[in-house]
Amino acid sequence: MILIATLNAGCRGNSGEHAVSQPQPMPVSVQVATVAASSVPHWTDATGNVSAELTTDISTRSPGRVTAITVKEGDRIRKGQPLVYLDAHDLDASIAEAGADVQASATGYQSAAIAANMAAATSRAKIETAKAQVEQAKAALATMIAKRDLVNAGPRSQERAEAEQNSARANAALVLARKTYDRMASLYKNDAITGQQLDSAKSELDSAQAAYQFAVQQQSLTDEGSRAEDKKAADASVAQAQAGLYAAIAALQQASAEALIVNVRRADMRQTQAQIGRSRAALSAAVANRTYSTIFAPFDGVVTQRLADPGAMAGPGVPLLRVQGGDLRIEAVVPESALSSVHAGASIPVSLDALGGKSFSALVIDISPQGDPASHTFLIKARLPRSSSARAGMFGRVRLNAGSERSMLIPAASVVDREGLTYVFLVQGDIAKLRLVSTGSSIGNSVAVLSGLQSGDRIAMSNIDKLTDNARISEVK
């Protein structure tokens, strides 16, 4: 036992001598930062989804069977590029039928125009003729009335004197003609004249005798005055002239009535002209429908879905392809408290989870003029840069500046993460003390400290991986 105790004592003595002779570790050179409170921006995060500026379903306006689809999913398309072809036999037949209707309508219009022009010309001629006949009938009636008035008035004294003179002249001429004939007859018996000369004297005697008898009759009539038969004849002539006038007026009225047929013909013209318009409209519609048998790309973009194959029946409103184009944008819902910090044309930071949280700037292009009254949020749209490699449907986040607040910022390089907790090394003299802190959002290369530090504290900001709690340090300026 004495021996064991002696040995133990010797061992403790040697250990103590060894501990005293062990060298101290070298201090770690670190850069030191002093914590100070400053005004830092307050950020609000909002989530949203990436969508295309242009998205549409390609369909047809006219039903038909699909004969060919020239693209597949993922293909890039150009505006005006033919995408889908439909069977157009029925549409071609419709065009032919509509064209025949236009031709028939045009022929009907020409016929109606000819009939209207002929009716107008005939009507004008009839009316002018009827008017002339009315004027003639009026003149004839006036003449008959004048003659009737003369008959009713009887012969005048001048007419009686003239009749007596005519009778006397005729008697004298008859006496002279008889004497001449007697003289010619005597000469003929003596062969002094020819038989022709005697016949001429005889003819003159007969004419003079007839003239004398007519003059005597006229003198007798003049002396007797107008007879009842003459008056009846004059009245009959006036009645006949009046009937002729009535007939002429009736003919004019009939001609005027027939002029209404011209209006009917012109109405037929207008109707056939309207039919031409309808037929041409039907032809234009048929030609337009024919153009729908080939469906073209409405804009530059990419095919996202192919929903039909050749042989399928296409109908109005039934999608055949789904395409998207234009720039990509993120649509996010933001609270009204952050609305004042964003405006159209501003750049905002955006990150997409599918791209590893990579952040880039997006241009705000639209802010909803009306928000949701229940959640007090507004929809904003921001255009993503074409170099973002984003795709429609991705989930993303936008950051909006919601003002500023007083906070302490420390370099992000000074923060240590251990087992889910956040630490910094507090510099106290030449010793580094491990201090538990609570951090907030990151701002550039700095991070906000919510608790664990006070303004004026000094912390290590370099060679953090070489430090331990209570480690000796040497400050590097």
Protein backbone atom coordinates (compact mmCIF):
# COMPACT_ATOMS: atom_id res chain seq x y z
CA MET A 1 0.00 0.00 0.00
CA ILE A 2 2.82 2.37 0.83
CA LEU A 3 4.40 1.47 -2.46
CA ILE A 4 1.16 2.12 -4.43
CA ALA A 5 0.64 5.44 -2.71
CA THR A 6 4.18 6.45 -3.48
CA LEU A 7 3.72 5.53 -7.12
CA ASN A 8 0.43 7.48 -7.37
CA ALA A 9 2.00 10.49 -5.83
CA GLY A 10 4.79 10.31 -8.29
CA CYS A 11 2.35 10.08 -11.19
CA ARG A 12 0.35 13.11 -10.07
CA GLY A 13 3.50 15.01 -9.70
CA ASN A 14 4.60 14.20 -13.23
CA SER A 15 1.13 15.05 -14.66
CA GLY A 16 1.12 18.43 -13.02
CA GLU A 17 4.50 19.20 -14.37
CA HIS A 18 3.32 18.16 -17.89
CA ALA A 19 0.14 20.37 -17.67
CA VAL A 20 2.09 23.37 -16.69
CA SER A 21 4.47 22.91 -19.56
CA GLN A 22 1.60 22.50 -22.26
CA PRO A 23 1.55 25.59 -24.69
CA GLN A 24 -1.58 27.81 -25.02
CA PRO A 25 -3.50 27.82 -28.49
CA MET A 26 -2.80 30.69 -30.85
CA PRO A 27 -5.50 33.39 -31.02
CA VAL A 28 -7.71 33.45 -34.15
CA SER A 29 -7.40 36.53 -36.29
CA VAL A 30 -10.85 37.97 -37.00
CA GLN A 31 -12.40 41.14 -38.30
CA VAL A 32 -14.77 42.79 -35.85
CA ALA A 33 -17.98 44.74 -36.62
CA THR A 34 -19.89 46.96 -34.23
CA VAL A 35 -23.63 46.43 -34.14
CA ALA A 36 -25.67 49.59 -34.75
CA ALA A 37 -29.38 50.22 -35.33
CA SER A 38 -30.35 51.66 -38.73
CA SER A 39 -33.40 52.22 -40.88
CA VAL A 40 -34.01 49.15 -43.06
CA PRO A 41 -36.75 48.52 -45.61
CA HIS A 42 -39.64 46.30 -44.62
CA TRP A 43 -40.45 43.72 -47.28
CA THR A 44 -43.73 41.95 -47.92
CA ASP A 45 -43.72 38.66 -49.78
CA ALA A 46 -46.61 37.68 -52.09
CA THR A 47 -47.07 34.44 -53.96
CA GLY A 48 -48.38 33.90 -57.46
CA ASN A 49 -48.20 31.78 -60.58
CA VAL A 50 -46.50 32.30 -63.90
CA SER A 51 -48.81 32.61 -66.92
CA ALA A 52 -48.45 33.54 -70.57
CA GLU A 53 -49.52 36.95 -71.81
CA LEU A 54 -51.56 35.28 -74.57
CA THR A 55 -53.36 31.98 -74.13
CA THR A 56 -56.08 30.68 -76.41
CA ASP A 57 -57.82 27.52 -77.58
CA ILE A 58 -57.75 26.94 -81.32
CA SER A 59 -61.16 25.86 -82.64
CA THR A 60 -63.23 26.18 -85.81
CA ARG A 61 -66.36 28.19 -86.57
CA SER A 62 -67.65 25.66 -89.08
CA PRO A 63 -68.11 21.95 -88.36
CA GLY A 64 -66.01 19.54 -90.37
CA ARG A 65 -63.72 16.56 -90.26
CA VAL A 66 -60.06 17.18 -89.43
CA THR A 67 -57.85 16.14 -92.33
CA ALA A 68 -54.46 17.25 -90.96
CA ILE A 69 -52.80 18.90 -87.96
CA THR A 70 -49.35 20.24 -88.75
CA VAL A 71 -47.98 20.75 -85.21
CA LYS A 72 -47.49 18.85 -81.99
CA GLU A 73 -47.07 19.83 -78.36
CA GLY A 74 -44.02 21.96 -77.73
CA ASP A 75 -43.69 23.22 -81.32
CA ARG A 76 -42.99 26.88 -81.82
CA ILE A 77 -45.46 28.59 -84.13
CA ARG A 78 -45.48 31.83 -86.08
CA LYS A 79 -48.44 34.13 -86.62
CA GLY A 80 -50.32 33.15 -89.78
CA GLN A 81 -48.86 29.63 -89.89
CA PRO A 82 -51.47 26.99 -90.95
CA LEU A 83 -52.13 24.66 -88.03
CA VAL A 84 -55.25 22.62 -88.83
CA TYR A 85 -56.92 21.61 -92.10
CA LEU A 86 -60.61 20.60 -92.34
CA ASP A 87 -62.54 18.82 -95.09
CA ALA A 88 -64.01 21.58 -97.29
CA HIS A 89 -66.22 19.69 -99.80
CA ASP A 90 -69.46 20.85 -98.17
CA LEU A 91 -68.17 24.40 -98.02
CA ASP A 92 -67.25 24.35 -101.72
CA ALA A 93 -70.78 23.16 -102.52
CA SER A 94 -72.21 26.00 -100.43
CA ILE A 95 -70.10 28.51 -102.39
CA ALA A 96 -71.35 27.09 -105.70
CA GLU A 97 -74.97 27.25 -104.52
CA ALA A 98 -74.60 30.81 -103.28
CA GLY A 99 -72.97 31.84 -106.57
CA ALA A 100 -75.90 30.34 -108.52
CA ASP A 101 -78.33 32.28 -106.32
CA VAL A 102 -76.46 35.50 -107.06
CA GLN A 103 -76.65 34.81 -110.80
CA ALA A 104 -80.37 33.99 -110.61
CA SER A 105 -81.06 37.12 -108.59
CA ALA A 106 -79.15 39.25 -111.09
CA THR A 107 -81.15 37.76 -113.98
CA GLY A 108 -84.40 38.43 -112.12
CA TYR A 109 -83.36 42.00 -111.53
CA GLN A 110 -82.57 42.53 -115.20
CA SER A 111 -85.98 41.13 -116.18
CA ALA A 112 -87.75 43.32 -113.63
CA ALA A 113 -85.82 46.37 -114.84
CA ILE A 114 -86.76 45.71 -118.47
CA ALA A 115 -90.42 45.21 -117.53
CA ALA A 116 -90.41 48.40 -115.45
CA ASN A 117 -88.80 50.45 -118.20
CA MET A 118 -91.23 49.11 -120.82
CA ALA A 119 -94.19 49.77 -118.55
CA ALA A 120 -92.95 53.30 -117.87
CA ALA A 121 -92.45 54.07 -121.57
CA THR A 122 -95.82 52.56 -122.57
CA SER A 123 -97.59 54.35 -119.75
CA ARG A 124 -96.14 57.71 -120.71
CA ALA A 125 -97.14 57.19 -124.38
CA LYS A 126 -100.68 56.19 -123.43
CA ILE A 127 -101.10 59.14 -121.11
CA GLU A 128 -99.84 61.62 -123.74
CA THR A 129 -102.10 60.09 -126.38
CA ALA A 130 -105.08 60.17 -124.03
CA LYS A 131 -104.40 63.80 -123.18
CA ALA A 132 -104.27 64.69 -126.90
CA GLN A 133 -107.55 62.86 -127.50
CA VAL A 134 -109.16 64.76 -124.64
CA GLU A 135 -108.04 68.05 -126.16
CA GLN A 136 -109.37 66.98 -129.59
CA ALA A 137 -112.69 65.93 -128.07
CA LYS A 138 -112.97 69.27 -126.31
CA ALA A 139 -112.32 71.10 -129.59
CA ALA A 140 -114.87 68.94 -131.46
CA LEU A 141 -117.45 69.56 -128.75
CA ALA A 142 -116.86 73.30 -128.95
CA THR A 143 -117.30 73.17 -132.73
CA MET A 144 -120.54 71.18 -132.49
CA ILE A 145 -121.89 73.53 -129.85
CA ALA A 146 -121.09 76.51 -132.11
CA LYS A 147 -122.85 74.87 -135.06
CA ARG A 148 -125.85 74.02 -132.88
CA ASP A 149 -126.03 77.63 -131.79
CA LEU A 150 -126.03 78.73 -135.41
CA VAL A 151 -128.80 76.29 -136.30
CA ASN A 152 -130.88 77.39 -133.34
CA ALA A 153 -130.36 81.06 -134.17
CA GLY A 154 -131.47 80.64 -137.84
CA PRO A 155 -130.19 82.53 -140.97
CA ARG A 156 -129.45 86.21 -140.70
CA SER A 157 -130.50 88.98 -143.09
CA GLN A 158 -127.04 89.11 -144.60
CA GLU A 159 -127.25 85.41 -145.32
CA ARG A 160 -130.66 85.84 -147.02
CA ALA A 161 -129.32 88.66 -149.18
CA GLU A 162 -126.31 86.63 -150.10
CA ALA A 163 -128.56 83.68 -150.99
CA GLU A 164 -130.68 85.91 -153.30
CA GLN A 165 -127.54 87.26 -154.97
CA ASN A 166 -126.20 83.76 -155.45
CA SER A 167 -129.52 82.70 -156.99
CA ALA A 168 -129.54 85.69 -159.35
CA ARG A 169 -125.96 85.05 -160.44
CA ALA A 170 -126.74 81.42 -161.02
CA ASN A 171 -129.83 82.36 -163.11
CA ALA A 172 -127.81 84.77 -165.23
CA ALA A 173 -125.14 82.16 -165.75
CA LEU A 174 -127.82 79.65 -166.76
CA VAL A 175 -129.36 82.07 -169.34
CA LEU A 176 -125.94 82.73 -170.79
CA ALA A 177 -125.12 79.04 -170.97
CA ARG A 178 -128.46 78.26 -172.69
CA LYS A 179 -127.90 80.99 -175.31
CA THR A 180 -124.40 79.77 -175.92
CA TYR A 181 -125.62 76.23 -176.39
CA ASP A 182 -128.36 77.28 -178.81
CA ARG A 183 -125.81 79.21 -180.86
CA MET A 184 -123.42 76.26 -180.85
CA ALA A 185 -126.24 73.89 -181.92
CA SER A 186 -127.09 76.12 -184.89
CA LEU A 187 -123.46 76.27 -185.90
CA TYR A 188 -123.17 72.51 -185.59
CA LYS A 189 -126.10 72.01 -187.96
CA ASN A 190 -124.30 74.13 -190.48
CA ASP A 191 -121.09 72.12 -189.87
CA ALA A 192 -119.36 75.23 -188.56
CA ILE A 193 -118.10 73.58 -185.38
CA THR A 194 -117.20 70.13 -184.29
CA GLY A 195 -119.29 67.83 -182.11
CA GLN A 196 -116.78 68.20 -179.29
CA GLN A 197 -117.37 71.92 -179.13
CA LEU A 198 -121.10 71.31 -179.02
CA ASP A 199 -120.62 68.78 -176.19
CA SER A 200 -118.56 71.31 -174.24
CA ALA A 201 -121.34 73.91 -174.56
CA LYS A 202 -123.83 71.29 -173.45
CA SER A 203 -121.68 70.47 -170.35
CA GLU A 204 -121.45 74.13 -169.43
CA LEU A 205 -125.24 74.43 -169.78
CA ASP A 206 -125.79 71.43 -167.46
CA SER A 207 -123.38 72.84 -164.87
CA ALA A 208 -125.04 76.24 -164.91
CA GLN A 209 -128.46 74.64 -164.56
CA ALA A 210 -127.27 72.56 -161.54
CA ALA A 211 -125.70 75.61 -159.91
CA TYR A 212 -128.90 77.55 -160.42
CA GLN A 213 -130.99 74.79 -158.82
CA PHE A 214 -128.58 74.62 -155.80
CA ALA A 215 -128.72 78.40 -155.37
CA VAL A 216 -132.48 78.32 -155.50
CA GLN A 217 -132.57 75.59 -152.87
CA GLN A 218 -130.19 77.49 -150.60
CA GLN A 219 -132.30 80.65 -151.01
CA SER A 220 -135.36 78.59 -150.16
CA LEU A 221 -133.71 77.17 -147.06
CA THR A 222 -132.57 80.61 -146.00
CA ASP A 223 -136.01 81.97 -146.46
CA GLU A 224 -137.56 79.09 -144.54
CA GLY A 225 -135.07 79.29 -141.58
CA SER A 226 -133.70 76.33 -139.50
CA ARG A 227 -135.82 73.26 -139.63
CA ALA A 228 -136.57 70.99 -136.66
CA GLU A 229 -134.61 68.21 -138.34
CA ASP A 230 -131.52 70.44 -138.54
CA LYS A 231 -131.86 71.35 -134.89
CA LYS A 232 -132.17 67.70 -133.91
CA ALA A 233 -129.15 66.89 -136.03
CA ALA A 234 -127.19 69.70 -134.36
CA ASP A 235 -128.20 68.48 -130.90
CA ALA A 236 -127.21 64.95 -131.84
CA SER A 237 -123.83 66.18 -133.04
CA VAL A 238 -123.25 67.99 -129.70
CA ALA A 239 -124.28 64.88 -127.74
CA GLN A 240 -121.95 62.77 -129.87
CA ALA A 241 -119.10 65.22 -129.26
CA GLN A 242 -119.80 65.16 -125.50
CA ALA A 243 -119.72 61.35 -125.52
CA GLY A 244 -116.41 61.49 -127.35
CA LEU A 245 -115.05 63.83 -124.67
CA TYR A 246 -116.23 61.53 -121.89
CA ALA A 247 -114.61 58.58 -123.63
CA ALA A 248 -111.34 60.50 -124.01
CA ILE A 249 -111.39 61.46 -120.31
CA ALA A 250 -112.08 57.83 -119.36
CA ALA A 251 -109.17 56.71 -121.54
CA LEU A 252 -106.91 59.25 -119.80
CA GLN A 253 -108.01 57.99 -116.39
CA GLN A 254 -107.36 54.42 -117.45
CA ALA A 255 -103.92 55.34 -118.75
CA SER A 256 -103.16 57.10 -115.44
CA ALA A 257 -104.34 54.02 -113.53
CA GLU A 258 -102.15 51.80 -115.66
CA ALA A 259 -99.22 54.01 -114.65
CA LEU A 260 -99.47 52.43 -111.20
CA ILE A 261 -98.23 49.22 -112.78
CA VAL A 262 -94.90 51.02 -113.19
CA ASN A 263 -94.70 51.37 -109.40
CA VAL A 264 -95.39 47.64 -109.08
CA ARG A 265 -92.64 46.88 -111.56
CA ARG A 266 -90.27 49.16 -109.71
CA ALA A 267 -91.19 47.46 -106.44
CA ASP A 268 -90.30 44.18 -108.12
CA MET A 269 -86.96 45.74 -109.06
CA ARG A 270 -86.29 46.76 -105.48
CA GLN A 271 -87.24 43.32 -104.24
CA THR A 272 -84.98 41.56 -106.70
CA GLN A 273 -82.22 44.04 -105.89
CA ALA A 274 -82.59 43.19 -102.21
CA GLN A 275 -82.47 39.52 -103.18
CA ILE A 276 -79.20 40.19 -104.97
CA GLY A 277 -77.83 41.74 -101.77
CA ARG A 278 -78.93 38.74 -99.72
CA SER A 279 -77.47 36.32 -102.25
CA ARG A 280 -74.17 38.19 -102.32
CA ALA A 281 -74.09 38.21 -98.52
CA ALA A 282 -74.72 34.46 -98.53
CA LEU A 283 -71.91 34.04 -101.04
CA SER A 284 -69.55 36.13 -98.91
CA ALA A 285 -70.50 34.08 -95.85
CA ALA A 286 -69.87 30.86 -97.74
CA VAL A 287 -66.48 32.11 -98.93
CA ALA A 288 -65.65 33.22 -95.38
CA ASN A 289 -66.67 29.82 -94.01
CA ARG A 290 -64.44 28.25 -96.64
CA THR A 291 -61.48 30.16 -95.23
CA TYR A 292 -62.24 28.63 -91.83
CA SER A 293 -61.42 25.20 -93.21
CA THR A 294 -57.79 26.16 -92.67
CA ILE A 295 -56.98 27.39 -89.16
CA PHE A 296 -53.98 29.68 -88.79
CA ALA A 297 -51.89 30.64 -85.78
CA PRO A 298 -53.24 33.84 -84.21
CA PHE A 299 -49.85 34.92 -82.83
CA ASP A 300 -46.27 33.82 -82.29
CA GLY A 301 -46.03 31.26 -79.51
CA VAL A 302 -45.84 27.60 -78.63
CA VAL A 303 -48.29 24.70 -78.72
CA THR A 304 -49.03 23.58 -75.17
CA GLN A 305 -51.69 20.95 -75.90
CA ARG A 306 -52.88 19.01 -78.93
CA LEU A 307 -56.48 17.97 -78.34
CA ALA A 308 -57.45 16.33 -81.65
CA ASP A 309 -56.06 14.12 -84.40
CA PRO A 310 -56.84 13.68 -88.11
CA GLY A 311 -60.21 12.06 -88.62
CA ALA A 312 -61.86 13.68 -85.64
CA MET A 313 -64.98 15.81 -86.09
CA ALA A 314 -64.42 19.46 -85.28
CA GLY A 315 -67.26 21.66 -84.14
CA PRO A 316 -67.69 25.30 -83.16
CA GLY A 317 -66.15 25.96 -79.76
CA VAL A 318 -64.48 22.53 -79.49
CA PRO A 319 -60.73 23.08 -78.80
CA LEU A 320 -58.33 21.43 -81.22
CA LEU A 321 -55.09 23.02 -80.00
CA ARG A 322 -54.10 25.13 -77.03
CA VAL A 323 -51.39 27.70 -77.67
CA GLN A 324 -49.74 30.44 -75.70
CA GLY A 325 -47.61 33.36 -76.73
CA GLY A 326 -46.25 36.71 -75.75
CA ASP A 327 -44.11 37.37 -72.70
CA LEU A 328 -44.43 35.41 -69.48
CA ARG A 329 -45.67 37.21 -66.41
CA ILE A 330 -46.29 36.44 -62.79
CA GLU A 331 -49.69 37.23 -61.30
CA ALA A 332 -49.54 37.72 -57.54
CA VAL A 333 -52.04 38.81 -54.89
CA VAL A 334 -50.63 41.52 -52.61
CA PRO A 335 -52.10 43.15 -49.50
CA GLU A 336 -53.39 46.68 -49.75
CA SER A 337 -50.77 47.81 -47.21
CA ALA A 338 -48.05 47.18 -49.81
CA LEU A 339 -49.98 48.66 -52.73
CA SER A 340 -48.53 52.13 -52.24
CA SER A 341 -45.01 50.82 -52.78
CA VAL A 342 -45.64 49.46 -56.27
CA HIS A 343 -46.77 51.10 -59.49
CA ALA A 344 -46.91 50.26 -63.17
CA GLY A 345 -43.46 50.41 -64.70
CA ALA A 346 -41.66 49.59 -61.44
CA SER A 347 -39.19 46.71 -61.11
CA ILE A 348 -39.78 44.21 -58.34
CA PRO A 349 -37.73 41.17 -57.25
CA VAL A 350 -39.22 37.78 -58.16
CA SER A 351 -38.06 34.28 -57.30
CA LEU A 352 -39.33 30.95 -58.65
CA ASP A 353 -39.17 27.78 -56.59
CA ALA A 354 -38.76 25.58 -59.67
CA LEU A 355 -35.57 27.46 -60.54
CA GLY A 356 -34.03 26.95 -57.11
CA GLY A 357 -35.29 30.23 -55.75
CA LYS A 358 -33.28 32.20 -58.29
CA SER A 359 -34.19 35.87 -58.06
CA PHE A 360 -34.53 38.35 -60.90
CA SER A 361 -36.32 41.61 -61.60
CA ALA A 362 -39.80 41.75 -63.17
CA LEU A 363 -41.53 44.79 -64.65
CA VAL A 364 -44.96 45.64 -63.24
CA ILE A 365 -47.36 46.01 -66.20
CA ASP A 366 -50.78 46.06 -64.53
CA ILE A 367 -52.40 46.56 -61.14
CA SER A 368 -56.01 45.55 -60.67
CA PRO A 369 -58.17 48.69 -60.29
CA GLN A 370 -60.45 46.89 -57.81
CA GLY A 371 -59.38 44.64 -54.99
CA ASP A 372 -61.07 41.90 -53.03
CA PRO A 373 -63.14 43.59 -50.30
CA ALA A 374 -63.04 40.46 -48.16
CA SER A 375 -59.26 39.90 -48.09
CA HIS A 376 -58.22 43.49 -48.92
CA THR A 377 -55.84 42.25 -51.58
CA PHE A 378 -55.09 43.34 -55.12
CA LEU A 379 -53.85 41.43 -58.17
CA ILE A 380 -50.68 42.69 -59.81
CA LYS A 381 -49.06 41.45 -63.02
CA ALA A 382 -45.32 41.70 -63.66
CA ARG A 383 -43.55 40.76 -66.90
CA LEU A 384 -40.67 38.34 -66.44
CA PRO A 385 -37.42 38.77 -68.37
CA ARG A 386 -37.08 36.45 -71.35
CA SER A 387 -33.83 35.14 -69.91
CA SER A 388 -35.57 33.87 -66.76
CA SER A 389 -36.11 30.30 -68.13
CA ALA A 390 -39.55 30.41 -66.52
CA ARG A 391 -42.51 28.41 -67.79
CA ALA A 392 -46.23 28.96 -67.47
CA GLY A 393 -47.65 27.32 -64.36
CA MET A 394 -44.57 27.77 -62.15
CA PHE A 395 -45.00 28.97 -58.57
CA GLY A 396 -43.20 32.16 -57.62
CA ARG A 397 -42.83 34.89 -55.04
CA VAL A 398 -42.59 38.64 -55.36
CA ARG A 399 -41.12 41.01 -52.77
CA LEU A 400 -42.63 44.41 -52.19
CA ASN A 401 -41.24 47.23 -50.09
CA ALA A 402 -43.83 47.93 -47.40
CA GLY A 403 -41.96 50.81 -45.78
CA SER A 404 -38.98 50.93 -43.37
CA GLU A 405 -38.27 50.14 -39.75
CA ARG A 406 -35.42 50.56 -37.23
CA SER A 407 -33.42 47.37 -36.98
CA MET A 408 -29.89 46.15 -36.35
CA LEU A 409 -28.11 44.74 -39.38
CA ILE A 410 -25.12 42.45 -39.17
CA PRO A 411 -23.07 40.86 -41.95
CA ALA A 412 -24.57 37.59 -43.09
CA ALA A 413 -21.06 36.08 -42.93
CA SER A 414 -21.06 36.53 -39.13
CA VAL A 415 -24.06 34.25 -38.56
CA VAL A 416 -23.57 30.60 -37.54
CA ASP A 417 -26.33 27.98 -37.95
CA ARG A 418 -26.07 25.05 -35.54
CA GLU A 419 -28.79 22.49 -35.04
CA GLY A 420 -31.49 24.84 -36.31
CA LEU A 421 -30.41 27.76 -34.11
CA THR A 422 -28.68 30.97 -35.08
CA TYR A 423 -25.54 32.23 -33.28
CA VAL A 424 -22.93 34.95 -33.52
CA PHE A 425 -19.58 35.31 -31.78
CA LEU A 426 -19.68 38.27 -29.41
CA VAL A 427 -16.23 39.86 -29.01
CA GLN A 428 -15.41 40.66 -25.38
CA GLY A 429 -11.84 41.80 -25.15
CA ASP A 430 -9.77 39.07 -26.76
CA ILE A 431 -12.37 36.35 -26.12
CA ALA A 432 -15.15 35.27 -28.53
CA LYS A 433 -18.37 34.33 -26.76
CA LEU A 434 -21.03 32.28 -28.58
CA ARG A 435 -24.30 34.23 -28.41
CA LEU A 436 -27.79 32.94 -29.48
CA VAL A 437 -29.65 35.46 -31.66
CA SER A 438 -32.91 35.69 -33.58
CA THR A 439 -32.63 36.94 -37.14
CA GLY A 440 -35.13 38.39 -39.61
CA SER A 441 -35.07 39.00 -43.34
CA SER A 442 -31.92 39.28 -45.39
CA ILE A 443 -31.08 42.55 -47.11
CA GLY A 444 -28.26 42.16 -49.58
CA ASN A 445 -25.23 40.81 -47.72
CA SER A 446 -26.72 41.68 -44.34
CA VAL A 447 -29.32 40.14 -42.07
CA ALA A 448 -31.58 41.82 -39.54
CA VAL A 449 -31.21 40.84 -35.86
CA LEU A 450 -34.46 40.71 -33.96
CA SER A 451 -33.06 39.78 -30.52
CA GLY A 452 -29.85 38.71 -28.74
CA LEU A 453 -27.76 41.79 -29.48
CA GLN A 454 -27.75 45.43 -28.50
CA SER A 455 -26.52 48.48 -30.25
CA GLY A 456 -22.75 48.85 -29.59
CA ASP A 457 -22.02 45.10 -29.31
CA ARG A 458 -19.00 43.92 -31.22
CA ILE A 459 -19.11 40.65 -33.19
CA ALA A 460 -16.65 38.62 -35.23
CA MET A 461 -17.26 38.67 -38.97
CA SER A 462 -14.42 36.57 -40.42
CA ASN A 463 -12.87 33.12 -39.80
CA ILE A 464 -16.13 32.12 -38.11
CA ASP A 465 -15.55 28.44 -38.91
CA LYS A 466 -12.34 28.53 -36.79
CA LEU A 467 -13.96 29.97 -33.68
CA THR A 468 -15.36 28.17 -30.65
CA ASP A 469 -16.98 29.46 -27.52
CA ASN A 470 -14.46 31.33 -25.33
CA ALA A 471 -11.83 31.18 -28.09
CA ARG A 472 -9.00 33.70 -27.94
CA ILE A 473 -8.99 36.12 -30.84
CA SER A 474 -6.88 38.90 -32.19
CA GLU A 475 -8.66 41.73 -33.96
CA VAL A 476 -7.59 42.54 -37.49
CA LYS A 477 -8.24 46.11 -38.57
